[in-house]
Amino acid sequence: MSMETKSYARLFMENYFELLKFTQQKIKEKLRQKQRSMAWLARELNLDPSNFAKKLKNYNIQDKMLAEICCILDENFFLHYYNYIENKINGKN
């Protein structure tokens, strides 16, 4: 594993909850732009809205679910992860 890869992995793990919170914020922003609710998104994912809300509150977004959210909202939230990590590595907030 290269030094750069180790840095990404270390940074990701150190900021895991911060990254999830950041992703939640971006999802909520996109929903506002589309004038949609979290309950609507839950139904699009075939989930009970209260169960979905619990997953988000507990920072329990799995990759598969995030990929589905990306497709539903036409937004690559994985790219936000990448940009967030790049900014942290480069000393930007």
PDB file of N, CA and C in Angstrom:
ATOM      1  N   MET A   1       0.848  -1.173   0.000  1.00  0.00           N
ATOM      2  CA  MET A   1       0.000   0.000   0.000  1.00  0.00           C
ATOM      3  C   MET A   1       0.896   1.240   0.000  1.00  0.00           C
ATOM      4  N   SER A   2       0.630   2.158  -0.917  1.00  0.00           N
ATOM      5  CA  SER A   2       1.462   3.356  -1.009  1.00  0.00           C
ATOM      6  C   SER A   2       1.196   4.283   0.167  1.00  0.00           C
ATOM      7  N   MET A   3       2.133   5.215   0.388  1.00  0.00           N
ATOM      8  CA  MET A   3       2.000   6.190   1.470  1.00  0.00           C
ATOM      9  C   MET A   3       0.755   7.046   1.268  1.00  0.00           C
ATOM     10  N   GLU A   4       0.471   7.406   0.013  1.00  0.00           N
ATOM     11  CA  GLU A   4      -0.711   8.221  -0.279  1.00  0.00           C
ATOM     12  C   GLU A   4      -1.991   7.463   0.070  1.00  0.00           C
ATOM     13  N   THR A   5      -2.036   6.185  -0.257  1.00  0.00           N
ATOM     14  CA  THR A   5      -3.202   5.359   0.049  1.00  0.00           C
ATOM     15  C   THR A   5      -3.381   5.238   1.553  1.00  0.00           C
ATOM     16  N   LYS A   6      -2.292   5.046   2.287  1.00  0.00           N
ATOM     17  CA  LYS A   6      -2.371   4.968   3.743  1.00  0.00           C
ATOM     18  C   LYS A   6      -2.915   6.268   4.325  1.00  0.00           C
ATOM     19  N   SER A   7      -2.503   7.404   3.770  1.00  0.00           N
ATOM     20  CA  SER A   7      -2.985   8.693   4.254  1.00  0.00           C
ATOM     21  C   SER A   7      -4.493   8.813   4.063  1.00  0.00           C
ATOM     22  N   TYR A   8      -4.983   8.412   2.884  1.00  0.00           N
ATOM     23  CA  TYR A   8      -6.422   8.454   2.635  1.00  0.00           C
ATOM     24  C   TYR A   8      -7.171   7.570   3.612  1.00  0.00           C
ATOM     25  N   ALA A   9      -6.685   6.349   3.808  1.00  0.00           N
ATOM     26  CA  ALA A   9      -7.352   5.408   4.698  1.00  0.00           C
ATOM     27  C   ALA A   9      -7.362   5.926   6.131  1.00  0.00           C
ATOM     28  N   ARG A  10      -6.233   6.423   6.594  1.00  0.00           N
ATOM     29  CA  ARG A  10      -6.140   6.948   7.962  1.00  0.00           C
ATOM     30  C   ARG A  10      -7.077   8.129   8.131  1.00  0.00           C
ATOM     31  N   LEU A  11      -7.058   9.047   7.179  1.00  0.00           N
ATOM     32  CA  LEU A  11      -7.888  10.236   7.260  1.00  0.00           C
ATOM     33  C   LEU A  11      -9.367   9.861   7.240  1.00  0.00           C
ATOM     34  N   PHE A  12      -9.717   8.915   6.396  1.00  0.00           N
ATOM     35  CA  PHE A  12     -11.106   8.490   6.319  1.00  0.00           C
ATOM     36  C   PHE A  12     -11.567   7.937   7.660  1.00  0.00           C
ATOM     37  N   MET A  13     -10.798   7.060   8.255  1.00  0.00           N
ATOM     38  CA  MET A  13     -11.201   6.437   9.512  1.00  0.00           C
ATOM     39  C   MET A  13     -11.254   7.454  10.646  1.00  0.00           C
ATOM     40  N   GLU A  14     -10.329   8.393  10.672  1.00  0.00           N
ATOM     41  CA  GLU A  14     -10.308   9.404  11.735  1.00  0.00           C
ATOM     42  C   GLU A  14     -11.518  10.322  11.647  1.00  0.00           C
ATOM     43  N   ASN A  15     -12.041  10.518  10.461  1.00  0.00           N
ATOM     44  CA  ASN A  15     -13.137  11.458  10.258  1.00  0.00           C
ATOM     45  C   ASN A  15     -14.420  10.784   9.791  1.00  0.00           C
ATOM     46  N   TYR A  16     -14.573   9.509  10.102  1.00  0.00           N
ATOM     47  CA  TYR A  16     -15.699   8.725   9.596  1.00  0.00           C
ATOM     48  C   TYR A  16     -17.050   9.375   9.876  1.00  0.00           C
ATOM     49  N   PHE A  17     -17.316   9.727  11.125  1.00  0.00           N
ATOM     50  CA  PHE A  17     -18.611  10.306  11.467  1.00  0.00           C
ATOM     51  C   PHE A  17     -18.772  11.700  10.882  1.00  0.00           C
ATOM     52  N   GLU A  18     -17.689  12.435  10.814  1.00  0.00           N
ATOM     53  CA  GLU A  18     -17.741  13.752  10.190  1.00  0.00           C
ATOM     54  C   GLU A  18     -18.086  13.623   8.704  1.00  0.00           C
ATOM     55  N   LEU A  19     -17.523  12.635   8.044  1.00  0.00           N
ATOM     56  CA  LEU A  19     -17.827  12.393   6.635  1.00  0.00           C
ATOM     57  C   LEU A  19     -19.293  12.003   6.441  1.00  0.00           C
ATOM     58  N   LEU A  20     -19.810  11.160   7.307  1.00  0.00           N
ATOM     59  CA  LEU A  20     -21.206  10.756   7.201  1.00  0.00           C
ATOM     60  C   LEU A  20     -22.138  11.940   7.439  1.00  0.00           C
ATOM     61  N   LYS A  21     -21.804  12.766   8.411  1.00  0.00           N
ATOM     62  CA  LYS A  21     -22.613  13.960   8.683  1.00  0.00           C
ATOM     63  C   LYS A  21     -22.578  14.903   7.480  1.00  0.00           C
ATOM     64  N   PHE A  22     -21.418  15.061   6.890  1.00  0.00           N
ATOM     65  CA  PHE A  22     -21.255  15.888   5.699  1.00  0.00           C
ATOM     66  C   PHE A  22     -22.122  15.348   4.559  1.00  0.00           C
ATOM     67  N   THR A  23     -22.128  14.037   4.372  1.00  0.00           N
ATOM     68  CA  THR A  23     -22.926  13.410   3.322  1.00  0.00           C
ATOM     69  C   THR A  23     -24.410  13.602   3.589  1.00  0.00           C
ATOM     70  N   GLN A  24     -24.829  13.434   4.830  1.00  0.00           N
ATOM     71  CA  GLN A  24     -26.226  13.682   5.190  1.00  0.00           C
ATOM     72  C   GLN A  24     -26.638  15.103   4.824  1.00  0.00           C
ATOM     73  N   GLN A  25     -25.777  16.046   5.145  1.00  0.00           N
ATOM     74  CA  GLN A  25     -26.057  17.453   4.849  1.00  0.00           C
ATOM     75  C   GLN A  25     -26.224  17.649   3.341  1.00  0.00           C
ATOM     76  N   LYS A  26     -25.361  17.042   2.554  1.00  0.00           N
ATOM     77  CA  LYS A  26     -25.442  17.166   1.090  1.00  0.00           C
ATOM     78  C   LYS A  26     -26.717  16.514   0.552  1.00  0.00           C
ATOM     79  N   ILE A  27     -27.118  15.395   1.129  1.00  0.00           N
ATOM     80  CA  ILE A  27     -28.361  14.731   0.721  1.00  0.00           C
ATOM     81  C   ILE A  27     -29.547  15.651   1.021  1.00  0.00           C
ATOM     82  N   LYS A  28     -29.567  16.225   2.211  1.00  0.00           N
ATOM     83  CA  LYS A  28     -30.660  17.131   2.588  1.00  0.00           C
ATOM     84  C   LYS A  28     -30.706  18.361   1.683  1.00  0.00           C
ATOM     85  N   GLU A  29     -29.539  18.908   1.344  1.00  0.00           N
ATOM     86  CA  GLU A  29     -29.486  20.053   0.432  1.00  0.00           C
ATOM     87  C   GLU A  29     -30.079  19.688  -0.925  1.00  0.00           C
ATOM     88  N   LYS A  30     -29.713  18.515  -1.430  1.00  0.00           N
ATOM     89  CA  LYS A  30     -30.214  18.072  -2.736  1.00  0.00           C
ATOM     90  C   LYS A  30     -31.726  17.856  -2.684  1.00  0.00           C
ATOM     91  N   LEU A  31     -32.222  17.294  -1.593  1.00  0.00           N
ATOM     92  CA  LEU A  31     -33.658  17.120  -1.437  1.00  0.00           C
ATOM     93  C   LEU A  31     -34.374  18.470  -1.433  1.00  0.00           C
ATOM     94  N   ARG A  32     -33.822  19.460  -0.744  1.00  0.00           N
ATOM     95  CA  ARG A  32     -34.417  20.799  -0.735  1.00  0.00           C
ATOM     96  C   ARG A  32     -34.452  21.381  -2.145  1.00  0.00           C
ATOM     97  N   GLN A  33     -33.348  21.216  -2.883  1.00  0.00           N
ATOM     98  CA  GLN A  33     -33.297  21.717  -4.263  1.00  0.00           C
ATOM     99  C   GLN A  33     -34.390  21.076  -5.116  1.00  0.00           C
ATOM    100  N   LYS A  34     -34.640  19.807  -4.897  1.00  0.00           N
ATOM    101  CA  LYS A  34     -35.637  19.074  -5.684  1.00  0.00           C
ATOM    102  C   LYS A  34     -37.041  19.183  -5.074  1.00  0.00           C
ATOM    103  N   GLN A  35     -37.136  19.916  -3.963  1.00  0.00           N
ATOM    104  CA  GLN A  35     -38.396  20.084  -3.235  1.00  0.00           C
ATOM    105  C   GLN A  35     -39.008  18.730  -2.880  1.00  0.00           C
ATOM    106  N   ARG A  36     -38.165  17.884  -2.337  1.00  0.00           N
ATOM    107  CA  ARG A  36     -38.569  16.547  -1.890  1.00  0.00           C
ATOM    108  C   ARG A  36     -38.227  16.389  -0.415  1.00  0.00           C
ATOM    109  N   SER A  37     -38.885  15.433   0.221  1.00  0.00           N
ATOM    110  CA  SER A  37     -38.669  15.194   1.653  1.00  0.00           C
ATOM    111  C   SER A  37     -37.864  13.913   1.866  1.00  0.00           C
ATOM    112  N   MET A  38     -37.418  13.744   3.096  1.00  0.00           N
ATOM    113  CA  MET A  38     -36.724  12.514   3.474  1.00  0.00           C
ATOM    114  C   MET A  38     -37.688  11.331   3.394  1.00  0.00           C
ATOM    115  N   ALA A  39     -38.943  11.567   3.719  1.00  0.00           N
ATOM    116  CA  ALA A  39     -39.938  10.495   3.628  1.00  0.00           C
ATOM    117  C   ALA A  39     -40.084  10.044   2.173  1.00  0.00           C
ATOM    118  N   TRP A  40     -40.083  10.985   1.251  1.00  0.00           N
ATOM    119  CA  TRP A  40     -40.155  10.643  -0.176  1.00  0.00           C
ATOM    120  C   TRP A  40     -38.961   9.777  -0.564  1.00  0.00           C
ATOM    121  N   LEU A  41     -37.752  10.195  -0.130  1.00  0.00           N
ATOM    122  CA  LEU A  41     -36.546   9.436  -0.453  1.00  0.00           C
ATOM    123  C   LEU A  41     -36.625   8.027   0.123  1.00  0.00           C
ATOM    124  N   ALA A  42     -37.100   7.913   1.354  1.00  0.00           N
ATOM    125  CA  ALA A  42     -37.250   6.584   1.975  1.00  0.00           C
ATOM    126  C   ALA A  42     -38.168   5.709   1.134  1.00  0.00           C
ATOM    127  N   ARG A  43     -39.280   6.267   0.690  1.00  0.00           N
ATOM    128  CA  ARG A  43     -40.208   5.473  -0.126  1.00  0.00           C
ATOM    129  C   ARG A  43     -39.565   5.069  -1.452  1.00  0.00           C
ATOM    130  N   GLU A  44     -38.760   5.961  -2.043  1.00  0.00           N
ATOM    131  CA  GLU A  44     -38.054   5.637  -3.285  1.00  0.00           C
ATOM    132  C   GLU A  44     -37.074   4.478  -3.078  1.00  0.00           C
ATOM    133  N   LEU A  45     -36.552   4.369  -1.869  1.00  0.00           N
ATOM    134  CA  LEU A  45     -35.618   3.296  -1.519  1.00  0.00           C
ATOM    135  C   LEU A  45     -36.343   2.048  -1.016  1.00  0.00           C
ATOM    136  N   ASN A  46     -37.683   2.107  -1.042  1.00  0.00           N
ATOM    137  CA  ASN A  46     -38.511   1.009  -0.529  1.00  0.00           C
ATOM    138  C   ASN A  46     -38.241   0.738   0.949  1.00  0.00           C
ATOM    139  N   LEU A  47     -38.070   1.812   1.712  1.00  0.00           N
ATOM    140  CA  LEU A  47     -37.850   1.711   3.149  1.00  0.00           C
ATOM    141  C   LEU A  47     -38.955   2.447   3.887  1.00  0.00           C
ATOM    142  N   ASP A  48     -39.211   2.014   5.086  1.00  0.00           N
ATOM    143  CA  ASP A  48     -40.123   2.732   5.960  1.00  0.00           C
ATOM    144  C   ASP A  48     -39.457   4.059   6.339  1.00  0.00           C
ATOM    145  N   PRO A  49     -40.164   5.191   6.207  1.00  0.00           N
ATOM    146  CA  PRO A  49     -39.543   6.487   6.514  1.00  0.00           C
ATOM    147  C   PRO A  49     -38.930   6.587   7.912  1.00  0.00           C
ATOM    148  N   SER A  50     -39.596   5.998   8.926  1.00  0.00           N
ATOM    149  CA  SER A  50     -39.026   6.090  10.286  1.00  0.00           C
ATOM    150  C   SER A  50     -37.768   5.241  10.410  1.00  0.00           C
ATOM    151  N   ASN A  51     -37.753   4.093   9.744  1.00  0.00           N
ATOM    152  CA  ASN A  51     -36.566   3.235   9.754  1.00  0.00           C
ATOM    153  C   ASN A  51     -35.403   3.931   9.038  1.00  0.00           C
ATOM    154  N   PHE A  52     -35.709   4.577   7.916  1.00  0.00           N
ATOM    155  CA  PHE A  52     -34.696   5.315   7.163  1.00  0.00           C
ATOM    156  C   PHE A  52     -34.133   6.458   8.003  1.00  0.00           C
ATOM    157  N   ALA A  53     -35.003   7.171   8.697  1.00  0.00           N
ATOM    158  CA  ALA A  53     -34.567   8.279   9.552  1.00  0.00           C
ATOM    159  C   ALA A  53     -33.618   7.778  10.648  1.00  0.00           C
ATOM    160  N   LYS A  54     -33.915   6.603  11.204  1.00  0.00           N
ATOM    161  CA  LYS A  54     -33.039   6.019  12.229  1.00  0.00           C
ATOM    162  C   LYS A  54     -31.665   5.702  11.649  1.00  0.00           C
ATOM    163  N   LYS A  55     -31.648   5.158  10.430  1.00  0.00           N
ATOM    164  CA  LYS A  55     -30.364   4.832   9.788  1.00  0.00           C
ATOM    165  C   LYS A  55     -29.524   6.100   9.613  1.00  0.00           C
ATOM    166  N   LEU A  56     -30.172   7.175   9.174  1.00  0.00           N
ATOM    167  CA  LEU A  56     -29.438   8.426   8.987  1.00  0.00           C
ATOM    168  C   LEU A  56     -28.982   9.011  10.316  1.00  0.00           C
ATOM    169  N   LYS A  57     -29.856   8.966  11.306  1.00  0.00           N
ATOM    170  CA  LYS A  57     -29.519   9.517  12.624  1.00  0.00           C
ATOM    171  C   LYS A  57     -28.333   8.776  13.234  1.00  0.00           C
ATOM    172  N   ASN A  58     -28.278   7.469  12.999  1.00  0.00           N
ATOM    173  CA  ASN A  58     -27.199   6.644  13.547  1.00  0.00           C
ATOM    174  C   ASN A  58     -26.001   6.554  12.607  1.00  0.00           C
ATOM    175  N   TYR A  59     -25.989   7.390  11.567  1.00  0.00           N
ATOM    176  CA  TYR A  59     -24.892   7.401  10.590  1.00  0.00           C
ATOM    177  C   TYR A  59     -24.664   6.011  10.014  1.00  0.00           C
ATOM    178  N   ASN A  60     -25.769   5.366   9.630  1.00  0.00           N
ATOM    179  CA  ASN A  60     -25.687   4.002   9.129  1.00  0.00           C
ATOM    180  C   ASN A  60     -26.079   3.958   7.650  1.00  0.00           C
ATOM    181  N   ILE A  61     -25.328   4.665   6.807  1.00  0.00           N
ATOM    182  CA  ILE A  61     -25.583   4.643   5.375  1.00  0.00           C
ATOM    183  C   ILE A  61     -24.573   3.693   4.747  1.00  0.00           C
ATOM    184  N   GLN A  62     -25.068   2.591   4.222  1.00  0.00           N
ATOM    185  CA  GLN A  62     -24.177   1.634   3.572  1.00  0.00           C
ATOM    186  C   GLN A  62     -23.910   2.078   2.144  1.00  0.00           C
ATOM    187  N   ASP A  63     -22.812   1.588   1.588  1.00  0.00           N
ATOM    188  CA  ASP A  63     -22.428   1.967   0.227  1.00  0.00           C
ATOM    189  C   ASP A  63     -23.530   1.700  -0.784  1.00  0.00           C
ATOM    190  N   LYS A  64     -24.168   0.545  -0.672  1.00  0.00           N
ATOM    191  CA  LYS A  64     -25.237   0.190  -1.618  1.00  0.00           C
ATOM    192  C   LYS A  64     -26.373   1.205  -1.542  1.00  0.00           C
ATOM    193  N   MET A  65     -26.765   1.569  -0.318  1.00  0.00           N
ATOM    194  CA  MET A  65     -27.834   2.539  -0.151  1.00  0.00           C
ATOM    195  C   MET A  65     -27.408   3.905  -0.690  1.00  0.00           C
ATOM    196  N   LEU A  66     -26.172   4.288  -0.422  1.00  0.00           N
ATOM    197  CA  LEU A  66     -25.691   5.570  -0.917  1.00  0.00           C
ATOM    198  C   LEU A  66     -25.670   5.581  -2.441  1.00  0.00           C
ATOM    199  N   ALA A  67     -25.293   4.460  -3.050  1.00  0.00           N
ATOM    200  CA  ALA A  67     -25.305   4.366  -4.514  1.00  0.00           C
ATOM    201  C   ALA A  67     -26.729   4.529  -5.043  1.00  0.00           C
ATOM    202  N   GLU A  68     -27.699   3.930  -4.362  1.00  0.00           N
ATOM    203  CA  GLU A  68     -29.098   4.076  -4.770  1.00  0.00           C
ATOM    204  C   GLU A  68     -29.553   5.528  -4.615  1.00  0.00           C
ATOM    205  N   ILE A  69     -29.153   6.171  -3.533  1.00  0.00           N
ATOM    206  CA  ILE A  69     -29.501   7.578  -3.307  1.00  0.00           C
ATOM    207  C   ILE A  69     -28.896   8.443  -4.407  1.00  0.00           C
ATOM    208  N   CYS A  70     -27.663   8.139  -4.788  1.00  0.00           N
ATOM    209  CA  CYS A  70     -27.011   8.874  -5.881  1.00  0.00           C
ATOM    210  C   CYS A  70     -27.848   8.799  -7.153  1.00  0.00           C
ATOM    211  N   CYS A  71     -28.323   7.617  -7.470  1.00  0.00           N
ATOM    212  CA  CYS A  71     -29.124   7.428  -8.694  1.00  0.00           C
ATOM    213  C   CYS A  71     -30.469   8.147  -8.597  1.00  0.00           C
ATOM    214  N   ILE A  72     -31.115   8.059  -7.454  1.00  0.00           N
ATOM    215  CA  ILE A  72     -32.427   8.692  -7.268  1.00  0.00           C
ATOM    216  C   ILE A  72     -32.317  10.213  -7.344  1.00  0.00           C
ATOM    217  N   LEU A  73     -31.273  10.773  -6.726  1.00  0.00           N
ATOM    218  CA  LEU A  73     -31.138  12.230  -6.663  1.00  0.00           C
ATOM    219  C   LEU A  73     -30.241  12.816  -7.759  1.00  0.00           C
ATOM    220  N   ASP A  74     -29.741  11.974  -8.652  1.00  0.00           N
ATOM    221  CA  ASP A  74     -28.857  12.435  -9.736  1.00  0.00           C
ATOM    222  C   ASP A  74     -27.669  13.231  -9.208  1.00  0.00           C
ATOM    223  N   GLU A  75     -27.025  12.677  -8.194  1.00  0.00           N
ATOM    224  CA  GLU A  75     -25.880  13.350  -7.561  1.00  0.00           C
ATOM    225  C   GLU A  75     -24.900  12.285  -7.108  1.00  0.00           C
ATOM    226  N   ASN A  76     -23.632  12.470  -7.415  1.00  0.00           N
ATOM    227  CA  ASN A  76     -22.612  11.515  -6.985  1.00  0.00           C
ATOM    228  C   ASN A  76     -22.085  11.938  -5.616  1.00  0.00           C
ATOM    229  N   PHE A  77     -22.687  11.399  -4.571  1.00  0.00           N
ATOM    230  CA  PHE A  77     -22.263  11.746  -3.213  1.00  0.00           C
ATOM    231  C   PHE A  77     -20.910  11.138  -2.876  1.00  0.00           C
ATOM    232  N   PHE A  78     -20.495  10.120  -3.607  1.00  0.00           N
ATOM    233  CA  PHE A  78     -19.155   9.574  -3.420  1.00  0.00           C
ATOM    234  C   PHE A  78     -18.106  10.606  -3.834  1.00  0.00           C
ATOM    235  N   LEU A  79     -18.433  11.420  -4.817  1.00  0.00           N
ATOM    236  CA  LEU A  79     -17.528  12.494  -5.232  1.00  0.00           C
ATOM    237  C   LEU A  79     -17.360  13.506  -4.108  1.00  0.00           C
ATOM    238  N   HIS A  80     -18.425  13.745  -3.344  1.00  0.00           N
ATOM    239  CA  HIS A  80     -18.327  14.636  -2.184  1.00  0.00           C
ATOM    240  C   HIS A  80     -17.344  14.062  -1.160  1.00  0.00           C
ATOM    241  N   TYR A  81     -17.383  12.739  -0.967  1.00  0.00           N
ATOM    242  CA  TYR A  81     -16.414  12.096  -0.072  1.00  0.00           C
ATOM    243  C   TYR A  81     -14.995  12.384  -0.558  1.00  0.00           C
ATOM    244  N   TYR A  82     -14.791  12.158  -1.844  1.00  0.00           N
ATOM    245  CA  TYR A  82     -13.459  12.361  -2.434  1.00  0.00           C
ATOM    246  C   TYR A  82     -13.000  13.804  -2.227  1.00  0.00           C
ATOM    247  N   ASN A  83     -13.854  14.769  -2.559  1.00  0.00           N
ATOM    248  CA  ASN A  83     -13.492  16.177  -2.415  1.00  0.00           C
ATOM    249  C   ASN A  83     -13.240  16.548  -0.958  1.00  0.00           C
ATOM    250  N   TYR A  84     -14.064  16.015  -0.075  1.00  0.00           N
ATOM    251  CA  TYR A  84     -13.903  16.288   1.351  1.00  0.00           C
ATOM    252  C   TYR A  84     -12.534  15.802   1.834  1.00  0.00           C
ATOM    253  N   ILE A  85     -12.186  14.588   1.453  1.00  0.00           N
ATOM    254  CA  ILE A  85     -10.896  14.019   1.866  1.00  0.00           C
ATOM    255  C   ILE A  85      -9.740  14.804   1.249  1.00  0.00           C
ATOM    256  N   GLU A  86      -9.858  15.161  -0.024  1.00  0.00           N
ATOM    257  CA  GLU A  86      -8.814  15.963  -0.683  1.00  0.00           C
ATOM    258  C   GLU A  86      -8.596  17.279   0.056  1.00  0.00           C
ATOM    259  N   ASN A  87      -9.678  17.948   0.425  1.00  0.00           N
ATOM    260  CA  ASN A  87      -9.562  19.217   1.141  1.00  0.00           C
ATOM    261  C   ASN A  87      -8.910  19.046   2.503  1.00  0.00           C
ATOM    262  N   LYS A  88      -9.249  17.967   3.202  1.00  0.00           N
ATOM    263  CA  LYS A  88      -8.625  17.705   4.506  1.00  0.00           C
ATOM    264  C   LYS A  88      -7.135  17.436   4.353  1.00  0.00           C
ATOM    265  N   ILE A  89      -6.757  16.676   3.346  1.00  0.00           N
ATOM    266  CA  ILE A  89      -5.347  16.372   3.124  1.00  0.00           C
ATOM    267  C   ILE A  89      -4.576  17.629   2.768  1.00  0.00           C
ATOM    268  N   ASN A  90      -5.204  18.507   2.002  1.00  0.00           N
ATOM    269  CA  ASN A  90      -4.539  19.742   1.573  1.00  0.00           C
ATOM    270  C   ASN A  90      -4.674  20.869   2.598  1.00  0.00           C
ATOM    271  N   GLY A  91      -5.235  20.573   3.767  1.00  0.00           N
ATOM    272  CA  GLY A  91      -5.305  21.558   4.839  1.00  0.00           C
ATOM    273  C   GLY A  91      -6.427  22.554   4.703  1.00  0.00           C
ATOM    274  N   LYS A  92      -7.405  22.269   3.857  1.00  0.00           N
ATOM    275  CA  LYS A  92      -8.569  23.148   3.712  1.00  0.00           C
ATOM    276  C   LYS A  92      -9.701  22.549   4.497  1.00  0.00           C
ATOM    277  N   ASN A  93     -10.665  23.401   4.879  1.00  0.00           N
ATOM    278  CA  ASN A  93     -11.853  22.905   5.591  1.00  0.00           C
ATOM    279  C   ASN A  93     -12.835  22.513   4.600  1.00  0.00           C
TER     280      ASN A  93
END
